[in-house]
Amino acid sequence: MCQQATPVSPPVCNPYRKELVVPLISAPPSRQDKTCLSLALCEFRALSGISLPMILTGLLLYCRSMISMLFLGRLGEMALAGGSLALGFANITGYSVLSGLSAGMEPICGQAFGARRSL
C-alpha cells in the first residue's frame, strides 16, 4: 500500500558548512494514484511510528506509580495513605514543574538546533 521508495530530493550545498546536505524529508509521492483510504493508512503508519514511543513511555510511568501503590497496600493502610500523599506531593511540586519547564524549552532548543546555533 504505502510505497516507501520515493524519489529523494537532490543534495544541496549548505553555505555554513563545506559539505553536501541531503534533506531528511523526501519529495511527497504523487497523490493521483492513491485512494483516500490508502492515504489515511499511510498517514496513520507515519503518526503511529512517532506517537507509539510516547504512548509507551506514558504507560510505563503510570505503571511505576501503580506498582508502588500495590506494594504499599500490602504493608497496611497507613503506609498506603502516606505513600499516596508523598506521590501526590511529588507529582504536584516536582514532576509537573519540571515537565512544564522542559515543554517550554523544547521549541526553543529545536529552533536553535535548526538555526545551527548552540545555546
PDB file of N, CA and C in Angstrom:
ATOM      1  N   MET A   1       0.816  -1.191   0.000  1.00  0.00           N
ATOM      2  CA  MET A   1       0.000   0.000   0.000  1.00  0.00           C
ATOM      3  C   MET A   1       0.863   1.261   0.000  1.00  0.00           C
ATOM      4  N   CYS A   2       1.612   1.471   1.083  1.00  0.00           N
ATOM      5  CA  CYS A   2       2.464   2.651   1.168  1.00  0.00           C
ATOM      6  C   CYS A   2       3.800   2.360   0.531  1.00  0.00           C
ATOM      7  N   GLN A   3       4.152   3.138  -0.413  1.00  0.00           N
ATOM      8  CA  GLN A   3       5.422   2.961  -1.088  1.00  0.00           C
ATOM      9  C   GLN A   3       6.470   3.767  -0.336  1.00  0.00           C
ATOM     10  N   GLN A   4       7.439   3.074   0.257  1.00  0.00           N
ATOM     11  CA  GLN A   4       8.497   3.756   0.992  1.00  0.00           C
ATOM     12  C   GLN A   4       9.565   4.307   0.056  1.00  0.00           C
ATOM     13  N   ALA A   5       9.697   3.707  -1.109  1.00  0.00           N
ATOM     14  CA  ALA A   5      10.718   4.144  -2.052  1.00  0.00           C
ATOM     15  C   ALA A   5      10.200   5.330  -2.849  1.00  0.00           C
ATOM     16  N   THR A   6      10.421   6.529  -2.338  1.00  0.00           N
ATOM     17  CA  THR A   6      10.020   7.745  -3.032  1.00  0.00           C
ATOM     18  C   THR A   6      11.284   8.443  -3.523  1.00  0.00           C
ATOM     19  N   PRO A   7      11.151   9.242  -4.542  1.00  0.00           N
ATOM     20  CA  PRO A   7      12.338   9.922  -5.052  1.00  0.00           C
ATOM     21  C   PRO A   7      12.901  10.888  -4.010  1.00  0.00           C
ATOM     22  N   VAL A   8      14.180  10.803  -3.789  1.00  0.00           N
ATOM     23  CA  VAL A   8      14.842  11.649  -2.806  1.00  0.00           C
ATOM     24  C   VAL A   8      15.254  12.948  -3.472  1.00  0.00           C
ATOM     25  N   SER A   9      15.086  14.034  -2.747  1.00  0.00           N
ATOM     26  CA  SER A   9      15.485  15.334  -3.269  1.00  0.00           C
ATOM     27  C   SER A   9      16.996  15.355  -3.457  1.00  0.00           C
ATOM     28  N   PRO A  10      17.473  16.100  -4.434  1.00  0.00           N
ATOM     29  CA  PRO A  10      18.924  16.138  -4.669  1.00  0.00           C
ATOM     30  C   PRO A  10      19.640  16.834  -3.507  1.00  0.00           C
ATOM     31  N   PRO A  11      20.902  16.472  -3.276  1.00  0.00           N
ATOM     32  CA  PRO A  11      21.650  17.119  -2.195  1.00  0.00           C
ATOM     33  C   PRO A  11      21.836  18.601  -2.475  1.00  0.00           C
ATOM     34  N   VAL A  12      21.845  19.373  -1.412  1.00  0.00           N
ATOM     35  CA  VAL A  12      22.013  20.811  -1.535  1.00  0.00           C
ATOM     36  C   VAL A  12      23.296  21.226  -0.823  1.00  0.00           C
ATOM     37  N   CYS A  13      23.906  22.268  -1.298  1.00  0.00           N
ATOM     38  CA  CYS A  13      25.125  22.761  -0.683  1.00  0.00           C
ATOM     39  C   CYS A  13      24.751  23.716   0.440  1.00  0.00           C
ATOM     40  N   ASN A  14      25.205  23.428   1.639  1.00  0.00           N
ATOM     41  CA  ASN A  14      24.940  24.272   2.793  1.00  0.00           C
ATOM     42  C   ASN A  14      25.992  25.379   2.827  1.00  0.00           C
ATOM     43  N   PRO A  15      25.586  26.655   2.824  1.00  0.00           N
ATOM     44  CA  PRO A  15      26.585  27.731   2.804  1.00  0.00           C
ATOM     45  C   PRO A  15      27.384  27.821   4.103  1.00  0.00           C
ATOM     46  N   TYR A  16      26.860  27.273   5.228  1.00  0.00           N
ATOM     47  CA  TYR A  16      27.553  27.360   6.503  1.00  0.00           C
ATOM     48  C   TYR A  16      28.553  26.233   6.698  1.00  0.00           C
ATOM     49  N   ARG A  17      28.348  25.142   5.984  1.00  0.00           N
ATOM     50  CA  ARG A  17      29.272  24.021   6.062  1.00  0.00           C
ATOM     51  C   ARG A  17      29.796  23.719   4.663  1.00  0.00           C
ATOM     52  N   LYS A  18      30.971  23.184   4.587  1.00  0.00           N
ATOM     53  CA  LYS A  18      31.572  22.867   3.291  1.00  0.00           C
ATOM     54  C   LYS A  18      31.290  21.411   2.927  1.00  0.00           C
ATOM     55  N   GLU A  19      30.035  21.024   2.936  1.00  0.00           N
ATOM     56  CA  GLU A  19      29.660  19.664   2.573  1.00  0.00           C
ATOM     57  C   GLU A  19      28.249  19.682   1.979  1.00  0.00           C
ATOM     58  N   LEU A  20      27.916  18.608   1.325  1.00  0.00           N
ATOM     59  CA  LEU A  20      26.584  18.475   0.771  1.00  0.00           C
ATOM     60  C   LEU A  20      25.643  17.918   1.841  1.00  0.00           C
ATOM     61  N   VAL A  21      24.446  18.452   1.895  1.00  0.00           N
ATOM     62  CA  VAL A  21      23.460  18.030   2.882  1.00  0.00           C
ATOM     63  C   VAL A  21      22.288  17.416   2.138  1.00  0.00           C
ATOM     64  N   VAL A  22      21.935  16.181   2.496  1.00  0.00           N
ATOM     65  CA  VAL A  22      20.788  15.503   1.898  1.00  0.00           C
ATOM     66  C   VAL A  22      19.588  15.741   2.804  1.00  0.00           C
ATOM     67  N   PRO A  23      18.474  16.245   2.281  1.00  0.00           N
ATOM     68  CA  PRO A  23      17.304  16.511   3.120  1.00  0.00           C
ATOM     69  C   PRO A  23      16.751  15.228   3.734  1.00  0.00           C
ATOM     70  N   LEU A  24      16.244  15.338   4.971  1.00  0.00           N
ATOM     71  CA  LEU A  24      15.677  14.182   5.654  1.00  0.00           C
ATOM     72  C   LEU A  24      14.307  13.815   5.108  1.00  0.00           C
ATOM     73  N   ILE A  25      13.560  14.801   4.658  1.00  0.00           N
ATOM     74  CA  ILE A  25      12.221  14.557   4.140  1.00  0.00           C
ATOM     75  C   ILE A  25      12.291  14.505   2.624  1.00  0.00           C
ATOM     76  N   SER A  26      11.858  13.403   2.067  1.00  0.00           N
ATOM     77  CA  SER A  26      11.918  13.258   0.615  1.00  0.00           C
ATOM     78  C   SER A  26      10.697  13.915  -0.027  1.00  0.00           C
ATOM     79  N   ALA A  27      10.721  13.971  -1.322  1.00  0.00           N
ATOM     80  CA  ALA A  27       9.613  14.571  -2.062  1.00  0.00           C
ATOM     81  C   ALA A  27       8.346  13.753  -1.843  1.00  0.00           C
ATOM     82  N   PRO A  28       7.201  14.404  -1.689  1.00  0.00           N
ATOM     83  CA  PRO A  28       5.970  13.653  -1.457  1.00  0.00           C
ATOM     84  C   PRO A  28       5.572  12.852  -2.692  1.00  0.00           C
ATOM     85  N   PRO A  29       5.006  11.644  -2.476  1.00  0.00           N
ATOM     86  CA  PRO A  29       4.583  10.850  -3.630  1.00  0.00           C
ATOM     87  C   PRO A  29       3.369  11.484  -4.304  1.00  0.00           C
ATOM     88  N   SER A  30       3.178  11.146  -5.564  1.00  0.00           N
ATOM     89  CA  SER A  30       2.026  11.707  -6.269  1.00  0.00           C
ATOM     90  C   SER A  30       0.747  11.124  -5.681  1.00  0.00           C
ATOM     91  N   ARG A  31      -0.232  11.954  -5.490  1.00  0.00           N
ATOM     92  CA  ARG A  31      -1.476  11.528  -4.853  1.00  0.00           C
ATOM     93  C   ARG A  31      -2.548  11.132  -5.858  1.00  0.00           C
ATOM     94  N   GLN A  32      -2.223  11.164  -7.109  1.00  0.00           N
ATOM     95  CA  GLN A  32      -3.247  10.853  -8.100  1.00  0.00           C
ATOM     96  C   GLN A  32      -3.569   9.375  -8.141  1.00  0.00           C
ATOM     97  N   ASP A  33      -2.591   8.514  -7.869  1.00  0.00           N
ATOM     98  CA  ASP A  33      -2.822   7.078  -7.987  1.00  0.00           C
ATOM     99  C   ASP A  33      -3.230   6.433  -6.661  1.00  0.00           C
ATOM    100  N   LYS A  34      -3.405   7.204  -5.588  1.00  0.00           N
ATOM    101  CA  LYS A  34      -3.776   6.642  -4.300  1.00  0.00           C
ATOM    102  C   LYS A  34      -5.192   7.062  -3.931  1.00  0.00           C
ATOM    103  N   THR A  35      -5.883   6.162  -3.248  1.00  0.00           N
ATOM    104  CA  THR A  35      -7.229   6.479  -2.781  1.00  0.00           C
ATOM    105  C   THR A  35      -7.142   7.149  -1.418  1.00  0.00           C
ATOM    106  N   CYS A  36      -8.270   7.653  -0.958  1.00  0.00           N
ATOM    107  CA  CYS A  36      -8.308   8.317   0.343  1.00  0.00           C
ATOM    108  C   CYS A  36      -7.977   7.347   1.473  1.00  0.00           C
ATOM    109  N   LEU A  37      -8.431   6.105   1.348  1.00  0.00           N
ATOM    110  CA  LEU A  37      -8.177   5.117   2.391  1.00  0.00           C
ATOM    111  C   LEU A  37      -6.697   4.773   2.479  1.00  0.00           C
ATOM    112  N   SER A  38      -6.049   4.596   1.347  1.00  0.00           N
ATOM    113  CA  SER A  38      -4.616   4.271   1.384  1.00  0.00           C
ATOM    114  C   SER A  38      -3.804   5.457   1.888  1.00  0.00           C
ATOM    115  N   LEU A  39      -4.214   6.681   1.559  1.00  0.00           N
ATOM    116  CA  LEU A  39      -3.530   7.857   2.099  1.00  0.00           C
ATOM    117  C   LEU A  39      -3.714   7.946   3.601  1.00  0.00           C
ATOM    118  N   ALA A  40      -4.908   7.618   4.090  1.00  0.00           N
ATOM    119  CA  ALA A  40      -5.164   7.647   5.529  1.00  0.00           C
ATOM    120  C   ALA A  40      -4.339   6.585   6.242  1.00  0.00           C
ATOM    121  N   LEU A  41      -4.211   5.403   5.624  1.00  0.00           N
ATOM    122  CA  LEU A  41      -3.392   4.357   6.229  1.00  0.00           C
ATOM    123  C   LEU A  41      -1.918   4.745   6.257  1.00  0.00           C
ATOM    124  N   CYS A  42      -1.443   5.365   5.203  1.00  0.00           N
ATOM    125  CA  CYS A  42      -0.057   5.831   5.180  1.00  0.00           C
ATOM    126  C   CYS A  42       0.184   6.880   6.263  1.00  0.00           C
ATOM    127  N   GLU A  43      -0.757   7.786   6.411  1.00  0.00           N
ATOM    128  CA  GLU A  43      -0.629   8.818   7.441  1.00  0.00           C
ATOM    129  C   GLU A  43      -0.688   8.210   8.838  1.00  0.00           C
ATOM    130  N   PHE A  44      -1.556   7.219   9.023  1.00  0.00           N
ATOM    131  CA  PHE A  44      -1.669   6.550  10.318  1.00  0.00           C
ATOM    132  C   PHE A  44      -0.371   5.829  10.665  1.00  0.00           C
ATOM    133  N   ARG A  45       0.243   5.173   9.707  1.00  0.00           N
ATOM    134  CA  ARG A  45       1.512   4.487   9.954  1.00  0.00           C
ATOM    135  C   ARG A  45       2.603   5.476  10.334  1.00  0.00           C
ATOM    136  N   ALA A  46       2.653   6.602   9.649  1.00  0.00           N
ATOM    137  CA  ALA A  46       3.673   7.603   9.959  1.00  0.00           C
ATOM    138  C   ALA A  46       3.457   8.185  11.354  1.00  0.00           C
ATOM    139  N   LEU A  47       2.201   8.482  11.693  1.00  0.00           N
ATOM    140  CA  LEU A  47       1.913   9.037  13.016  1.00  0.00           C
ATOM    141  C   LEU A  47       2.123   8.017  14.122  1.00  0.00           C
ATOM    142  N   SER A  48       1.787   6.771  13.872  1.00  0.00           N
ATOM    143  CA  SER A  48       1.964   5.760  14.912  1.00  0.00           C
ATOM    144  C   SER A  48       3.444   5.500  15.166  1.00  0.00           C
ATOM    145  N   GLY A  49       4.268   5.630  14.157  1.00  0.00           N
ATOM    146  CA  GLY A  49       5.704   5.473  14.364  1.00  0.00           C
ATOM    147  C   GLY A  49       6.276   6.554  15.257  1.00  0.00           C
ATOM    148  N   ILE A  50       5.679   7.736  15.217  1.00  0.00           N
ATOM    149  CA  ILE A  50       6.139   8.834  16.059  1.00  0.00           C
ATOM    150  C   ILE A  50       5.499   8.765  17.445  1.00  0.00           C
ATOM    151  N   SER A  51       4.208   8.458  17.506  1.00  0.00           N
ATOM    152  CA  SER A  51       3.487   8.555  18.773  1.00  0.00           C
ATOM    153  C   SER A  51       3.573   7.302  19.632  1.00  0.00           C
ATOM    154  N   LEU A  52       3.855   6.161  19.053  1.00  0.00           N
ATOM    155  CA  LEU A  52       3.888   4.926  19.830  1.00  0.00           C
ATOM    156  C   LEU A  52       4.935   4.954  20.945  1.00  0.00           C
ATOM    157  N   PRO A  53       6.157   5.424  20.726  1.00  0.00           N
ATOM    158  CA  PRO A  53       7.101   5.504  21.846  1.00  0.00           C
ATOM    159  C   PRO A  53       6.638   6.433  22.966  1.00  0.00           C
ATOM    160  N   MET A  54       5.987   7.539  22.615  1.00  0.00           N
ATOM    161  CA  MET A  54       5.500   8.446  23.652  1.00  0.00           C
ATOM    162  C   MET A  54       4.369   7.810  24.450  1.00  0.00           C
ATOM    163  N   ILE A  55       3.496   7.075  23.790  1.00  0.00           N
ATOM    164  CA  ILE A  55       2.401   6.392  24.476  1.00  0.00           C
ATOM    165  C   ILE A  55       2.948   5.336  25.422  1.00  0.00           C
ATOM    166  N   LEU A  56       3.917   4.544  24.962  1.00  0.00           N
ATOM    167  CA  LEU A  56       4.514   3.513  25.811  1.00  0.00           C
ATOM    168  C   LEU A  56       5.239   4.112  27.008  1.00  0.00           C
ATOM    169  N   THR A  57       5.914   5.240  26.818  1.00  0.00           N
ATOM    170  CA  THR A  57       6.589   5.903  27.924  1.00  0.00           C
ATOM    171  C   THR A  57       5.593   6.369  28.978  1.00  0.00           C
ATOM    172  N   GLY A  58       4.488   6.960  28.551  1.00  0.00           N
ATOM    173  CA  GLY A  58       3.463   7.399  29.495  1.00  0.00           C
ATOM    174  C   GLY A  58       2.845   6.240  30.253  1.00  0.00           C
ATOM    175  N   LEU A  59       2.587   5.139  29.563  1.00  0.00           N
ATOM    176  CA  LEU A  59       2.028   3.968  30.237  1.00  0.00           C
ATOM    177  C   LEU A  59       3.002   3.366  31.239  1.00  0.00           C
ATOM    178  N   LEU A  60       4.275   3.310  30.887  1.00  0.00           N
ATOM    179  CA  LEU A  60       5.261   2.771  31.817  1.00  0.00           C
ATOM    180  C   LEU A  60       5.431   3.657  33.051  1.00  0.00           C
ATOM    181  N   LEU A  61       5.379   4.964  32.861  1.00  0.00           N
ATOM    182  CA  LEU A  61       5.457   5.859  34.018  1.00  0.00           C
ATOM    183  C   LEU A  61       4.242   5.700  34.923  1.00  0.00           C
ATOM    184  N   TYR A  62       3.074   5.506  34.345  1.00  0.00           N
ATOM    185  CA  TYR A  62       1.877   5.276  35.145  1.00  0.00           C
ATOM    186  C   TYR A  62       1.968   3.931  35.863  1.00  0.00           C
ATOM    187  N   CYS A  63       2.482   2.916  35.189  1.00  0.00           N
ATOM    188  CA  CYS A  63       2.620   1.594  35.813  1.00  0.00           C
ATOM    189  C   CYS A  63       3.599   1.629  36.981  1.00  0.00           C
ATOM    190  N   ARG A  64       4.612   2.470  36.902  1.00  0.00           N
ATOM    191  CA  ARG A  64       5.555   2.591  38.012  1.00  0.00           C
ATOM    192  C   ARG A  64       4.842   3.068  39.272  1.00  0.00           C
ATOM    193  N   SER A  65       3.990   4.065  39.151  1.00  0.00           N
ATOM    194  CA  SER A  65       3.235   4.560  40.303  1.00  0.00           C
ATOM    195  C   SER A  65       2.241   3.518  40.791  1.00  0.00           C
ATOM    196  N   MET A  66       1.614   2.826  39.868  1.00  0.00           N
ATOM    197  CA  MET A  66       0.629   1.814  40.244  1.00  0.00           C
ATOM    198  C   MET A  66       1.290   0.658  40.997  1.00  0.00           C
ATOM    199  N   ILE A  67       2.444   0.226  40.560  1.00  0.00           N
ATOM    200  CA  ILE A  67       3.142  -0.871  41.232  1.00  0.00           C
ATOM    201  C   ILE A  67       3.596  -0.439  42.624  1.00  0.00           C
ATOM    202  N   SER A  68       4.034   0.814  42.753  1.00  0.00           N
ATOM    203  CA  SER A  68       4.406   1.315  44.079  1.00  0.00           C
ATOM    204  C   SER A  68       3.213   1.287  45.025  1.00  0.00           C
ATOM    205  N   MET A  69       2.048   1.688  44.531  1.00  0.00           N
ATOM    206  CA  MET A  69       0.858   1.673  45.380  1.00  0.00           C
ATOM    207  C   MET A  69       0.433   0.243  45.715  1.00  0.00           C
ATOM    208  N   LEU A  70       0.615  -0.683  44.814  1.00  0.00           N
ATOM    209  CA  LEU A  70       0.277  -2.079  45.110  1.00  0.00           C
ATOM    210  C   LEU A  70       1.155  -2.632  46.230  1.00  0.00           C
ATOM    211  N   PHE A  71       2.439  -2.325  46.178  1.00  0.00           N
ATOM    212  CA  PHE A  71       3.326  -2.794  47.240  1.00  0.00           C
ATOM    213  C   PHE A  71       3.028  -2.099  48.564  1.00  0.00           C
ATOM    214  N   LEU A  72       2.719  -0.808  48.519  1.00  0.00           N
ATOM    215  CA  LEU A  72       2.385  -0.091  49.755  1.00  0.00           C
ATOM    216  C   LEU A  72       1.078  -0.591  50.348  1.00  0.00           C
ATOM    217  N   GLY A  73       0.150  -1.009  49.515  1.00  0.00           N
ATOM    218  CA  GLY A  73      -1.122  -1.523  50.009  1.00  0.00           C
ATOM    219  C   GLY A  73      -0.952  -2.806  50.794  1.00  0.00           C
ATOM    220  N   ARG A  74       0.060  -3.581  50.496  1.00  0.00           N
ATOM    221  CA  ARG A  74       0.308  -4.817  51.232  1.00  0.00           C
ATOM    222  C   ARG A  74       0.943  -4.545  52.593  1.00  0.00           C
ATOM    223  N   LEU A  75       1.501  -3.349  52.792  1.00  0.00           N
ATOM    224  CA  LEU A  75       2.106  -3.005  54.079  1.00  0.00           C
ATOM    225  C   LEU A  75       1.078  -2.520  55.089  1.00  0.00           C
ATOM    226  N   GLY A  76      -0.054  -2.021  54.624  1.00  0.00           N
ATOM    227  CA  GLY A  76      -1.093  -1.555  55.547  1.00  0.00           C
ATOM    228  C   GLY A  76      -1.710  -0.253  55.080  1.00  0.00           C
ATOM    229  N   GLU A  77      -2.735   0.150  55.835  1.00  0.00           N
ATOM    230  CA  GLU A  77      -3.469   1.357  55.451  1.00  0.00           C
ATOM    231  C   GLU A  77      -2.648   2.622  55.644  1.00  0.00           C
ATOM    232  N   MET A  78      -1.896   2.703  56.734  1.00  0.00           N
ATOM    233  CA  MET A  78      -1.104   3.906  56.999  1.00  0.00           C
ATOM    234  C   MET A  78       0.014   4.080  55.959  1.00  0.00           C
ATOM    235  N   ALA A  79       0.643   2.988  55.590  1.00  0.00           N
ATOM    236  CA  ALA A  79       1.700   3.069  54.583  1.00  0.00           C
ATOM    237  C   ALA A  79       1.126   3.472  53.228  1.00  0.00           C
ATOM    238  N   LEU A  80      -0.056   2.950  52.907  1.00  0.00           N
ATOM    239  CA  LEU A  80      -0.698   3.306  51.641  1.00  0.00           C
ATOM    240  C   LEU A  80      -1.092   4.777  51.630  1.00  0.00           C
ATOM    241  N   ALA A  81      -1.638   5.265  52.751  1.00  0.00           N
ATOM    242  CA  ALA A  81      -2.027   6.676  52.828  1.00  0.00           C
ATOM    243  C   ALA A  81      -0.809   7.586  52.736  1.00  0.00           C
ATOM    244  N   GLY A  82       0.265   7.235  53.448  1.00  0.00           N
ATOM    245  CA  GLY A  82       1.483   8.050  53.396  1.00  0.00           C
ATOM    246  C   GLY A  82       2.122   8.034  52.019  1.00  0.00           C
ATOM    247  N   GLY A  83       2.142   6.860  51.403  1.00  0.00           N
ATOM    248  CA  GLY A  83       2.707   6.773  50.058  1.00  0.00           C
ATOM    249  C   GLY A  83       1.896   7.540  49.037  1.00  0.00           C
ATOM    250  N   SER A  84       0.583   7.515  49.165  1.00  0.00           N
ATOM    251  CA  SER A  84      -0.278   8.268  48.241  1.00  0.00           C
ATOM    252  C   SER A  84      -0.062   9.765  48.395  1.00  0.00           C
ATOM    253  N   LEU A  85       0.044  10.225  49.655  1.00  0.00           N
ATOM    254  CA  LEU A  85       0.304  11.653  49.869  1.00  0.00           C
ATOM    255  C   LEU A  85       1.675  12.054  49.333  1.00  0.00           C
ATOM    256  N   ALA A  86       2.670  11.221  49.555  1.00  0.00           N
ATOM    257  CA  ALA A  86       4.019  11.536  49.073  1.00  0.00           C
ATOM    258  C   ALA A  86       4.064  11.562  47.553  1.00  0.00           C
ATOM    259  N   LEU A  87       3.408  10.590  46.934  1.00  0.00           N
ATOM    260  CA  LEU A  87       3.401  10.549  45.475  1.00  0.00           C
ATOM    261  C   LEU A  87       2.633  11.739  44.895  1.00  0.00           C
ATOM    262  N   GLY A  88       1.505  12.101  45.509  1.00  0.00           N
ATOM    263  CA  GLY A  88       0.757  13.275  45.050  1.00  0.00           C
ATOM    264  C   GLY A  88       1.553  14.554  45.215  1.00  0.00           C
ATOM    265  N   PHE A  89       2.239  14.692  46.351  1.00  0.00           N
ATOM    266  CA  PHE A  89       3.057  15.881  46.586  1.00  0.00           C
ATOM    267  C   PHE A  89       4.207  15.958  45.578  1.00  0.00           C
ATOM    268  N   ALA A  90       4.856  14.812  45.310  1.00  0.00           N
ATOM    269  CA  ALA A  90       5.956  14.807  44.342  1.00  0.00           C
ATOM    270  C   ALA A  90       5.455  15.136  42.939  1.00  0.00           C
ATOM    271  N   ASN A  91       4.282  14.634  42.575  1.00  0.00           N
ATOM    272  CA  ASN A  91       3.730  14.924  41.242  1.00  0.00           C
ATOM    273  C   ASN A  91       3.394  16.396  41.088  1.00  0.00           C
ATOM    274  N   ILE A  92       2.814  16.991  42.125  1.00  0.00           N
ATOM    275  CA  ILE A  92       2.377  18.387  42.025  1.00  0.00           C
ATOM    276  C   ILE A  92       3.558  19.340  42.070  1.00  0.00           C
ATOM    277  N   THR A  93       4.466  19.134  42.998  1.00  0.00           N
ATOM    278  CA  THR A  93       5.539  20.111  43.176  1.00  0.00           C
ATOM    279  C   THR A  93       6.728  19.885  42.259  1.00  0.00           C
ATOM    280  N   GLY A  94       7.108  18.659  42.061  1.00  0.00           N
ATOM    281  CA  GLY A  94       8.345  18.407  41.328  1.00  0.00           C
ATOM    282  C   GLY A  94       8.161  18.057  39.878  1.00  0.00           C
ATOM    283  N   TYR A  95       7.449  16.973  39.619  1.00  0.00           N
ATOM    284  CA  TYR A  95       7.365  16.454  38.264  1.00  0.00           C
ATOM    285  C   TYR A  95       6.623  17.399  37.325  1.00  0.00           C
ATOM    286  N   SER A  96       5.562  18.015  37.802  1.00  0.00           N
ATOM    287  CA  SER A  96       4.794  18.892  36.908  1.00  0.00           C
ATOM    288  C   SER A  96       5.579  20.158  36.571  1.00  0.00           C
ATOM    289  N   VAL A  97       6.323  20.685  37.532  1.00  0.00           N
ATOM    290  CA  VAL A  97       7.126  21.890  37.262  1.00  0.00           C
ATOM    291  C   VAL A  97       8.235  21.566  36.259  1.00  0.00           C
ATOM    292  N   LEU A  98       8.921  20.461  36.485  1.00  0.00           N
ATOM    293  CA  LEU A  98       9.984  20.085  35.548  1.00  0.00           C
ATOM    294  C   LEU A  98       9.430  19.741  34.170  1.00  0.00           C
ATOM    295  N   SER A  99       8.271  19.105  34.139  1.00  0.00           N
ATOM    296  CA  SER A  99       7.651  18.788  32.853  1.00  0.00           C
ATOM    297  C   SER A  99       7.252  20.059  32.112  1.00  0.00           C
ATOM    298  N   GLY A 100       6.730  21.033  32.830  1.00  0.00           N
ATOM    299  CA  GLY A 100       6.365  22.313  32.207  1.00  0.00           C
ATOM    300  C   GLY A 100       7.572  23.065  31.694  1.00  0.00           C
ATOM    301  N   LEU A 101       8.650  23.063  32.469  1.00  0.00           N
ATOM    302  CA  LEU A 101       9.863  23.753  32.021  1.00  0.00           C
ATOM    303  C   LEU A 101      10.470  23.074  30.799  1.00  0.00           C
ATOM    304  N   SER A 102      10.468  21.754  30.797  1.00  0.00           N
ATOM    305  CA  SER A 102      11.034  21.065  29.635  1.00  0.00           C
ATOM    306  C   SER A 102      10.146  21.236  28.406  1.00  0.00           C
ATOM    307  N   ALA A 103       8.824  21.304  28.598  1.00  0.00           N
ATOM    308  CA  ALA A 103       7.932  21.546  27.461  1.00  0.00           C
ATOM    309  C   ALA A 103       8.128  22.949  26.904  1.00  0.00           C
ATOM    310  N   GLY A 104       8.461  23.904  27.763  1.00  0.00           N
ATOM    311  CA  GLY A 104       8.732  25.268  27.297  1.00  0.00           C
ATOM    312  C   GLY A 104      10.068  25.387  26.582  1.00  0.00           C
ATOM    313  N   MET A 105      11.035  24.577  26.986  1.00  0.00           N
ATOM    314  CA  MET A 105      12.360  24.625  26.361  1.00  0.00           C
ATOM    315  C   MET A 105      12.419  23.880  25.041  1.00  0.00           C
ATOM    316  N   GLU A 106      11.481  22.978  24.816  1.00  0.00           N
ATOM    317  CA  GLU A 106      11.538  22.144  23.608  1.00  0.00           C
ATOM    318  C   GLU A 106      11.515  22.950  22.312  1.00  0.00           C
ATOM    319  N   PRO A 107      10.583  23.907  22.114  1.00  0.00           N
ATOM    320  CA  PRO A 107      10.624  24.661  20.847  1.00  0.00           C
ATOM    321  C   PRO A 107      11.832  25.583  20.747  1.00  0.00           C
ATOM    322  N   ILE A 108      12.305  26.086  21.883  1.00  0.00           N
ATOM    323  CA  ILE A 108      13.470  26.976  21.840  1.00  0.00           C
ATOM    324  C   ILE A 108      14.704  26.202  21.401  1.00  0.00           C
ATOM    325  N   CYS A 109      14.890  25.021  21.982  1.00  0.00           N
ATOM    326  CA  CYS A 109      16.048  24.191  21.606  1.00  0.00           C
ATOM    327  C   CYS A 109      15.925  23.700  20.170  1.00  0.00           C
ATOM    328  N   GLY A 110      14.715  23.382  19.739  1.00  0.00           N
ATOM    329  CA  GLY A 110      14.512  22.944  18.365  1.00  0.00           C
ATOM    330  C   GLY A 110      14.841  24.039  17.365  1.00  0.00           C
ATOM    331  N   GLN A 111      14.451  25.263  17.681  1.00  0.00           N
ATOM    332  CA  GLN A 111      14.760  26.377  16.792  1.00  0.00           C
ATOM    333  C   GLN A 111      16.263  26.657  16.766  1.00  0.00           C
ATOM    334  N   ALA A 112      16.902  26.579  17.929  1.00  0.00           N
ATOM    335  CA  ALA A 112      18.349  26.824  17.978  1.00  0.00           C
ATOM    336  C   ALA A 112      19.104  25.755  17.216  1.00  0.00           C
ATOM    337  N   PHE A 113      18.663  24.512  17.330  1.00  0.00           N
ATOM    338  CA  PHE A 113      19.312  23.432  16.584  1.00  0.00           C
ATOM    339  C   PHE A 113      19.085  23.593  15.091  1.00  0.00           C
ATOM    340  N   GLY A 114      17.891  23.992  14.702  1.00  0.00           N
ATOM    341  CA  GLY A 114      17.599  24.192  13.280  1.00  0.00           C
ATOM    342  C   GLY A 114      18.377  25.356  12.687  1.00  0.00           C
ATOM    343  N   ALA A 115      18.649  26.363  13.497  1.00  0.00           N
ATOM    344  CA  ALA A 115      19.418  27.522  13.030  1.00  0.00           C
ATOM    345  C   ALA A 115      20.920  27.292  13.154  1.00  0.00           C
ATOM    346  N   ARG A 116      21.319  26.097  13.629  1.00  0.00           N
ATOM    347  CA  ARG A 116      22.722  25.727  13.798  1.00  0.00           C
ATOM    348  C   ARG A 116      23.436  26.667  14.780  1.00  0.00           C
ATOM    349  N   ARG A 117      22.709  27.105  15.809  1.00  0.00           N
ATOM    350  CA  ARG A 117      23.305  27.940  16.860  1.00  0.00           C
ATOM    351  C   ARG A 117      23.313  27.159  18.160  1.00  0.00           C
ATOM    352  N   SER A 118      24.423  27.135  18.843  1.00  0.00           N
ATOM    353  CA  SER A 118      24.453  26.480  20.144  1.00  0.00           C
ATOM    354  C   SER A 118      23.952  27.470  21.198  1.00  0.00           C
ATOM    355  N   LEU A 119      23.402  26.902  22.266  1.00  0.00           N
ATOM    356  CA  LEU A 119      22.835  27.774  23.319  1.00  0.00           C
ATOM    357  C   LEU A 119      23.875  28.337  24.199  1.00  0.00           C
TER     358      LEU A 119
END
